[in-house]
All heavy atoms as atom14 arrays in JSON, in Angstrom:
{
  "sequence": "STIFRDNAKNTMYLQMNSLKPEDTAVYYCAAS",
  "atom14_mask": [
    [1, 1, 1, 1, 1, 1, 0, 0, 0, 0, 0, 0, 0, 0],
    [1, 1, 1, 1, 1, 1, 1, 0, 0, 0, 0, 0, 0, 0],
    [1, 1, 1, 1, 1, 1, 1, 1, 0, 0, 0, 0, 0, 0],
    [1, 1, 1, 1, 1, 1, 1, 1, 1, 1, 1, 0, 0, 0],
    [1, 1, 1, 1, 1, 1, 1, 1, 1, 1, 1, 0, 0, 0],
    [1, 1, 1, 1, 1, 1, 1, 1, 0, 0, 0, 0, 0, 0],
    [1, 1, 1, 1, 1, 1, 1, 1, 0, 0, 0, 0, 0, 0],
    [1, 1, 1, 1, 1, 0, 0, 0, 0, 0, 0, 0, 0, 0],
    [1, 1, 1, 1, 1, 1, 1, 1, 1, 0, 0, 0, 0, 0],
    [1, 1, 1, 1, 1, 1, 1, 1, 0, 0, 0, 0, 0, 0],
    [1, 1, 1, 1, 1, 1, 1, 0, 0, 0, 0, 0, 0, 0],
    [1, 1, 1, 1, 1, 1, 1, 1, 0, 0, 0, 0, 0, 0],
    [1, 1, 1, 1, 1, 1, 1, 1, 1, 1, 1, 1, 0, 0],
    [1, 1, 1, 1, 1, 1, 1, 1, 0, 0, 0, 0, 0, 0],
    [1, 1, 1, 1, 1, 1, 1, 1, 1, 0, 0, 0, 0, 0],
    [1, 1, 1, 1, 1, 1, 1, 1, 0, 0, 0, 0, 0, 0],
    [1, 1, 1, 1, 1, 1, 1, 1, 0, 0, 0, 0, 0, 0],
    [1, 1, 1, 1, 1, 1, 0, 0, 0, 0, 0, 0, 0, 0],
    [1, 1, 1, 1, 1, 1, 1, 1, 0, 0, 0, 0, 0, 0],
    [1, 1, 1, 1, 1, 1, 1, 1, 1, 0, 0, 0, 0, 0],
    [1, 1, 1, 1, 1, 1, 1, 0, 0, 0, 0, 0, 0, 0],
    [1, 1, 1, 1, 1, 1, 1, 1, 1, 0, 0, 0, 0, 0],
    [1, 1, 1, 1, 1, 1, 1, 1, 0, 0, 0, 0, 0, 0],
    [1, 1, 1, 1, 1, 1, 1, 0, 0, 0, 0, 0, 0, 0],
    [1, 1, 1, 1, 1, 0, 0, 0, 0, 0, 0, 0, 0, 0],
    [1, 1, 1, 1, 1, 1, 1, 0, 0, 0, 0, 0, 0, 0],
    [1, 1, 1, 1, 1, 1, 1, 1, 1, 1, 1, 1, 0, 0],
    [1, 1, 1, 1, 1, 1, 1, 1, 1, 1, 1, 1, 0, 0],
    [1, 1, 1, 1, 1, 1, 0, 0, 0, 0, 0, 0, 0, 0],
    [1, 1, 1, 1, 1, 0, 0, 0, 0, 0, 0, 0, 0, 0],
    [1, 1, 1, 1, 1, 0, 0, 0, 0, 0, 0, 0, 0, 0],
    [1, 1, 1, 1, 1, 1, 0, 0, 0, 0, 0, 0, 0, 0]
  ],
  "atom14_positions": [
    [[0.25, 3.08, 0.17], [-0.89, 3.49, -0.64], [-1.03, 2.62, -1.87], [-0.05, 2.06, -2.37], [-0.74, 4.95, -1.06], [-0.68, 5.81, 0.06], [0.0, 0.0, 0.0], [0.0, 0.0, 0.0], [0.0, 0.0, 0.0], [0.0, 0.0, 0.0], [0.0, 0.0, 0.0], [0.0, 0.0, 0.0], [0.0, 0.0, 0.0], [0.0, 0.0, 0.0]],
    [[-2.26, 2.52, -2.35], [-2.55, 1.78, -3.57], [-3.5, 2.6, -4.43], [-4.54, 3.05, -3.96], [-3.2, 0.42, -3.26], [-2.35, -0.35, -2.41], [-3.45, -0.35, -4.55], [0.0, 0.0, 0.0], [0.0, 0.0, 0.0], [0.0, 0.0, 0.0], [0.0, 0.0, 0.0], [0.0, 0.0, 0.0], [0.0, 0.0, 0.0], [0.0, 0.0, 0.0]],
    [[-3.12, 2.79, -5.67], [-3.98, 3.46, -6.62], [-4.62, 2.39, -7.52], [-3.94, 1.47, -7.97], [-3.22, 4.51, -7.45], [-4.17, 5.31, -8.34], [-2.09, 3.89, -8.26], [-3.52, 6.52, -9.0], [0.0, 0.0, 0.0], [0.0, 0.0, 0.0], [0.0, 0.0, 0.0], [0.0, 0.0, 0.0], [0.0, 0.0, 0.0], [0.0, 0.0, 0.0]],
    [[-5.9, 2.5, -7.73], [-6.59, 1.57, -8.6], [-7.83, 2.24, -9.17], [-8.22, 3.33, -8.73], [-6.94, 0.26, -7.88], [-7.86, 0.42, -6.7], [-9.21, 0.12, -6.81], [-7.37, 0.84, -5.47], [-10.06, 0.23, -5.72], [-8.22, 0.96, -4.37], [-9.56, 0.66, -4.5], [0.0, 0.0, 0.0], [0.0, 0.0, 0.0], [0.0, 0.0, 0.0]],
    [[-8.44, 1.6, -10.12], [-9.61, 2.2, -10.75], [-10.63, 1.14, -11.11], [-10.29, -0.03, -11.32], [-9.19, 3.0, -11.99], [-8.58, 2.18, -13.1], [-7.84, 3.08, -14.1], [-8.73, 4.06, -14.71], [-8.33, 5.17, -15.33], [-7.02, 5.44, -15.42], [-9.21, 5.99, -15.87], [0.0, 0.0, 0.0], [0.0, 0.0, 0.0], [0.0, 0.0, 0.0]],
    [[-11.87, 1.56, -11.17], [-12.98, 0.73, -11.62], [-13.63, 1.5, -12.76], [-14.47, 2.37, -12.53], [-13.95, 0.46, -10.49], [-15.05, -0.52, -10.88], [-15.26, -0.74, -12.08], [-15.7, -1.07, -9.97], [0.0, 0.0, 0.0], [0.0, 0.0, 0.0], [0.0, 0.0, 0.0], [0.0, 0.0, 0.0], [0.0, 0.0, 0.0], [0.0, 0.0, 0.0]],
    [[-13.22, 1.17, -13.95], [-13.72, 1.93, -15.09], [-15.21, 1.75, -15.32], [-15.87, 2.63, -15.88], [-12.93, 1.57, -16.35], [-11.53, 2.15, -16.34], [-11.29, 3.21, -15.75], [-10.59, 1.48, -17.0], [0.0, 0.0, 0.0], [0.0, 0.0, 0.0], [0.0, 0.0, 0.0], [0.0, 0.0, 0.0], [0.0, 0.0, 0.0], [0.0, 0.0, 0.0]],
    [[-15.76, 0.61, -14.89], [-17.2, 0.4, -15.01], [-17.97, 1.4, -14.15], [-19.1, 1.76, -14.48], [-17.57, -1.03, -14.62], [0.0, 0.0, 0.0], [0.0, 0.0, 0.0], [0.0, 0.0, 0.0], [0.0, 0.0, 0.0], [0.0, 0.0, 0.0], [0.0, 0.0, 0.0], [0.0, 0.0, 0.0], [0.0, 0.0, 0.0], [0.0, 0.0, 0.0]],
    [[-17.37, 1.83, -13.05], [-17.97, 2.83, -12.17], [-17.47, 4.24, -12.48], [-17.86, 5.19, -11.79], [-17.7, 2.5, -10.71], [-18.33, 1.22, -10.24], [-18.04, 0.98, -8.77], [-18.72, -0.28, -8.28], [-18.43, -0.54, -6.84], [0.0, 0.0, 0.0], [0.0, 0.0, 0.0], [0.0, 0.0, 0.0], [0.0, 0.0, 0.0], [0.0, 0.0, 0.0]],
    [[-16.61, 4.34, -13.48], [-16.08, 5.64, -13.87], [-15.36, 6.32, -12.71], [-15.43, 7.54, -12.54], [-17.2, 6.54, -14.39], [-16.82, 7.31, -15.64], [-15.86, 6.98, -16.33], [-17.58, 8.36, -15.93], [0.0, 0.0, 0.0], [0.0, 0.0, 0.0], [0.0, 0.0, 0.0], [0.0, 0.0, 0.0], [0.0, 0.0, 0.0], [0.0, 0.0, 0.0]],
    [[-14.64, 5.51, -11.93], [-14.04, 5.99, -10.7], [-12.61, 5.49, -10.54], [-12.31, 4.34, -10.88], [-14.87, 5.56, -9.49], [-16.19, 6.11, -9.6], [-14.26, 6.05, -8.19], [0.0, 0.0, 0.0], [0.0, 0.0, 0.0], [0.0, 0.0, 0.0], [0.0, 0.0, 0.0], [0.0, 0.0, 0.0], [0.0, 0.0, 0.0], [0.0, 0.0, 0.0]],
    [[-11.76, 6.34, -10.01], [-10.4, 6.0, -9.66], [-10.23, 6.23, -8.17], [-10.83, 7.15, -7.6], [-9.44, 6.87, -10.48], [-7.98, 6.55, -10.33], [-7.18, 7.62, -9.08], [-7.23, 9.21, -9.92], [0.0, 0.0, 0.0], [0.0, 0.0, 0.0], [0.0, 0.0, 0.0], [0.0, 0.0, 0.0], [0.0, 0.0, 0.0], [0.0, 0.0, 0.0]],
    [[-9.39, 5.42, -7.52], [-9.29, 5.43, -6.07], [-7.84, 5.55, -5.61], [-6.9, 5.16, -6.31], [-9.83, 4.13, -5.48], [-11.25, 3.81, -5.85], [-11.53, 3.04, -6.98], [-12.31, 4.24, -5.07], [-12.82, 2.73, -7.32], [-13.62, 3.93, -5.4], [-13.87, 3.18, -6.53], [-15.16, 2.86, -6.86], [0.0, 0.0, 0.0], [0.0, 0.0, 0.0]],
    [[-7.69, 6.06, -4.41], [-6.42, 6.02, -3.7], [-6.68, 5.48, -2.31], [-7.33, 6.15, -1.5], [-5.76, 7.4, -3.62], [-4.41, 7.43, -2.9], [-3.35, 6.68, -3.69], [-3.97, 8.88, -2.66], [0.0, 0.0, 0.0], [0.0, 0.0, 0.0], [0.0, 0.0, 0.0], [0.0, 0.0, 0.0], [0.0, 0.0, 0.0], [0.0, 0.0, 0.0]],
    [[-6.23, 4.26, -2.04], [-6.31, 3.67, -0.72], [-5.06, 4.04, 0.05], [-3.95, 3.72, -0.38], [-6.44, 2.15, -0.81], [-6.43, 1.44, 0.53], [-7.68, 1.69, 1.33], [-8.78, 1.68, 0.77], [-7.53, 1.93, 2.63], [0.0, 0.0, 0.0], [0.0, 0.0, 0.0], [0.0, 0.0, 0.0], [0.0, 0.0, 0.0], [0.0, 0.0, 0.0]],
    [[-5.21, 4.71, 1.18], [-4.09, 5.15, 1.98], [-4.15, 4.49, 3.34], [-5.14, 4.61, 4.06], [-4.08, 6.67, 2.13], [-3.98, 7.42, 0.8], [-3.78, 9.21, 1.04], [-5.38, 9.59, 1.76], [0.0, 0.0, 0.0], [0.0, 0.0, 0.0], [0.0, 0.0, 0.0], [0.0, 0.0, 0.0], [0.0, 0.0, 0.0], [0.0, 0.0, 0.0]],
    [[-3.09, 3.79, 3.7], [-2.97, 3.12, 4.98], [-1.79, 3.69, 5.75], [-0.94, 4.39, 5.2], [-2.78, 1.62, 4.77], [-3.88, 0.99, 3.97], [-5.06, 1.28, 4.17], [-3.53, 0.09, 3.05], [0.0, 0.0, 0.0], [0.0, 0.0, 0.0], [0.0, 0.0, 0.0], [0.0, 0.0, 0.0], [0.0, 0.0, 0.0], [0.0, 0.0, 0.0]],
    [[-1.74, 3.37, 7.03], [-0.65, 3.82, 7.89], [-0.41, 5.31, 7.72], [0.73, 5.77, 7.55], [0.63, 3.03, 7.58], [0.43, 1.65, 7.77], [0.0, 0.0, 0.0], [0.0, 0.0, 0.0], [0.0, 0.0, 0.0], [0.0, 0.0, 0.0], [0.0, 0.0, 0.0], [0.0, 0.0, 0.0], [0.0, 0.0, 0.0], [0.0, 0.0, 0.0]],
    [[-1.47, 6.07, 7.79], [-1.39, 7.5, 7.54], [-0.55, 8.2, 8.59], [-0.55, 7.83, 9.77], [-2.78, 8.11, 7.47], [-3.53, 7.81, 6.18], [-5.01, 8.06, 6.36], [-2.97, 8.66, 5.04], [0.0, 0.0, 0.0], [0.0, 0.0, 0.0], [0.0, 0.0, 0.0], [0.0, 0.0, 0.0], [0.0, 0.0, 0.0], [0.0, 0.0, 0.0]],
    [[0.15, 9.22, 8.14], [1.03, 10.02, 8.99], [0.56, 11.47, 8.99], [-0.08, 11.91, 8.03], [2.47, 9.96, 8.47], [3.03, 8.56, 8.32], [4.4, 8.59, 7.67], [4.98, 7.21, 7.5], [6.31, 7.25, 6.84], [0.0, 0.0, 0.0], [0.0, 0.0, 0.0], [0.0, 0.0, 0.0], [0.0, 0.0, 0.0], [0.0, 0.0, 0.0]],
    [[0.88, 12.23, 10.03], [0.5, 13.64, 10.03], [0.99, 14.39, 8.8], [0.3, 15.3, 8.32], [1.15, 14.18, 11.31], [1.18, 13.0, 12.22], [1.46, 11.82, 11.33], [0.0, 0.0, 0.0], [0.0, 0.0, 0.0], [0.0, 0.0, 0.0], [0.0, 0.0, 0.0], [0.0, 0.0, 0.0], [0.0, 0.0, 0.0], [0.0, 0.0, 0.0]],
    [[2.14, 14.02, 8.27], [2.65, 14.69, 7.08], [1.86, 14.37, 5.82], [2.11, 14.97, 4.77], [4.14, 14.36, 6.87], [4.46, 12.88, 6.91], [4.97, 12.42, 8.27], [4.36, 12.82, 9.29], [5.96, 11.68, 8.31], [0.0, 0.0, 0.0], [0.0, 0.0, 0.0], [0.0, 0.0, 0.0], [0.0, 0.0, 0.0], [0.0, 0.0, 0.0]],
    [[0.92, 13.44, 5.9], [0.01, 13.19, 4.78], [-1.12, 14.21, 4.72], [-1.89, 14.21, 3.76], [-0.59, 11.79, 4.87], [0.44, 10.68, 4.69], [1.32, 10.83, 3.81], [0.36, 9.68, 5.41], [0.0, 0.0, 0.0], [0.0, 0.0, 0.0], [0.0, 0.0, 0.0], [0.0, 0.0, 0.0], [0.0, 0.0, 0.0], [0.0, 0.0, 0.0]],
    [[-1.23, 15.04, 5.73], [-2.28, 16.05, 5.76], [-2.13, 17.0, 4.58], [-1.08, 17.61, 4.39], [-2.24, 16.84, 7.07], [-2.53, 15.96, 8.16], [-3.26, 17.97, 7.07], [0.0, 0.0, 0.0], [0.0, 0.0, 0.0], [0.0, 0.0, 0.0], [0.0, 0.0, 0.0], [0.0, 0.0, 0.0], [0.0, 0.0, 0.0], [0.0, 0.0, 0.0]],
    [[-3.18, 17.12, 3.79], [-3.14, 17.94, 2.59], [-4.51, 17.91, 1.93], [-5.38, 17.11, 2.29], [-2.08, 17.43, 1.61], [0.0, 0.0, 0.0], [0.0, 0.0, 0.0], [0.0, 0.0, 0.0], [0.0, 0.0, 0.0], [0.0, 0.0, 0.0], [0.0, 0.0, 0.0], [0.0, 0.0, 0.0], [0.0, 0.0, 0.0], [0.0, 0.0, 0.0]],
    [[-4.68, 18.78, 0.96], [-5.8, 18.66, 0.04], [-5.35, 17.75, -1.09], [-4.31, 17.98, -1.7], [-6.25, 20.02, -0.5], [-7.38, 19.84, -1.52], [-6.7, 20.93, 0.63], [0.0, 0.0, 0.0], [0.0, 0.0, 0.0], [0.0, 0.0, 0.0], [0.0, 0.0, 0.0], [0.0, 0.0, 0.0], [0.0, 0.0, 0.0], [0.0, 0.0, 0.0]],
    [[-6.13, 16.72, -1.35], [-5.8, 15.75, -2.37], [-6.64, 16.0, -3.62], [-7.86, 16.15, -3.54], [-6.03, 14.32, -1.86], [-4.95, 13.86, -0.92], [-4.84, 14.4, 0.35], [-4.02, 12.89, -1.32], [-3.83, 14.0, 1.2], [-3.02, 12.48, -0.46], [-2.92, 13.04, 0.8], [-1.92, 12.63, 1.65], [0.0, 0.0, 0.0], [0.0, 0.0, 0.0]],
    [[-5.97, 16.02, -4.75], [-6.6, 16.29, -6.03], [-6.42, 15.11, -6.97], [-5.36, 14.5, -7.01], [-5.98, 17.52, -6.7], [-6.07, 18.8, -5.91], [-5.1, 19.14, -4.99], [-7.13, 19.67, -6.11], [-5.17, 20.32, -4.27], [-7.21, 20.86, -5.41], [-6.23, 21.18, -4.48], [-6.31, 22.35, -3.78], [0.0, 0.0, 0.0], [0.0, 0.0, 0.0]],
    [[-7.45, 14.8, -7.73], [-7.27, 13.86, -8.81], [-7.17, 14.63, -10.12], [-7.68, 15.75, -10.26], [-8.4, 12.82, -8.87], [-10.03, 13.46, -9.28], [0.0, 0.0, 0.0], [0.0, 0.0, 0.0], [0.0, 0.0, 0.0], [0.0, 0.0, 0.0], [0.0, 0.0, 0.0], [0.0, 0.0, 0.0], [0.0, 0.0, 0.0], [0.0, 0.0, 0.0]],
    [[-6.49, 14.04, -11.06], [-6.29, 14.65, -12.36], [-6.29, 13.55, -13.42], [-5.99, 12.4, -13.14], [-4.97, 15.43, -12.4], [0.0, 0.0, 0.0], [0.0, 0.0, 0.0], [0.0, 0.0, 0.0], [0.0, 0.0, 0.0], [0.0, 0.0, 0.0], [0.0, 0.0, 0.0], [0.0, 0.0, 0.0], [0.0, 0.0, 0.0], [0.0, 0.0, 0.0]],
    [[-6.62, 13.94, -14.63], [-6.7, 12.98, -15.73], [-6.22, 13.61, -17.01], [-6.42, 14.81, -17.24], [-8.13, 12.47, -15.9], [0.0, 0.0, 0.0], [0.0, 0.0, 0.0], [0.0, 0.0, 0.0], [0.0, 0.0, 0.0], [0.0, 0.0, 0.0], [0.0, 0.0, 0.0], [0.0, 0.0, 0.0], [0.0, 0.0, 0.0], [0.0, 0.0, 0.0]],
    [[-5.59, 12.79, -17.83], [-5.08, 13.25, -19.11], [-5.38, 12.21, -20.18], [-5.15, 11.02, -19.98], [-3.57, 13.5, -19.04], [-3.07, 13.87, -20.32], [0.0, 0.0, 0.0], [0.0, 0.0, 0.0], [0.0, 0.0, 0.0], [0.0, 0.0, 0.0], [0.0, 0.0, 0.0], [0.0, 0.0, 0.0], [0.0, 0.0, 0.0], [0.0, 0.0, 0.0]]
  ]
}
């Protein structure tokens, strides 16, 4: 996985590759 952000777009991303069944979940973003 790779986390990155584009602040000009006001967006943060999580690129997930080679996904596994154990990756199944609800994914949440958070900010502080």
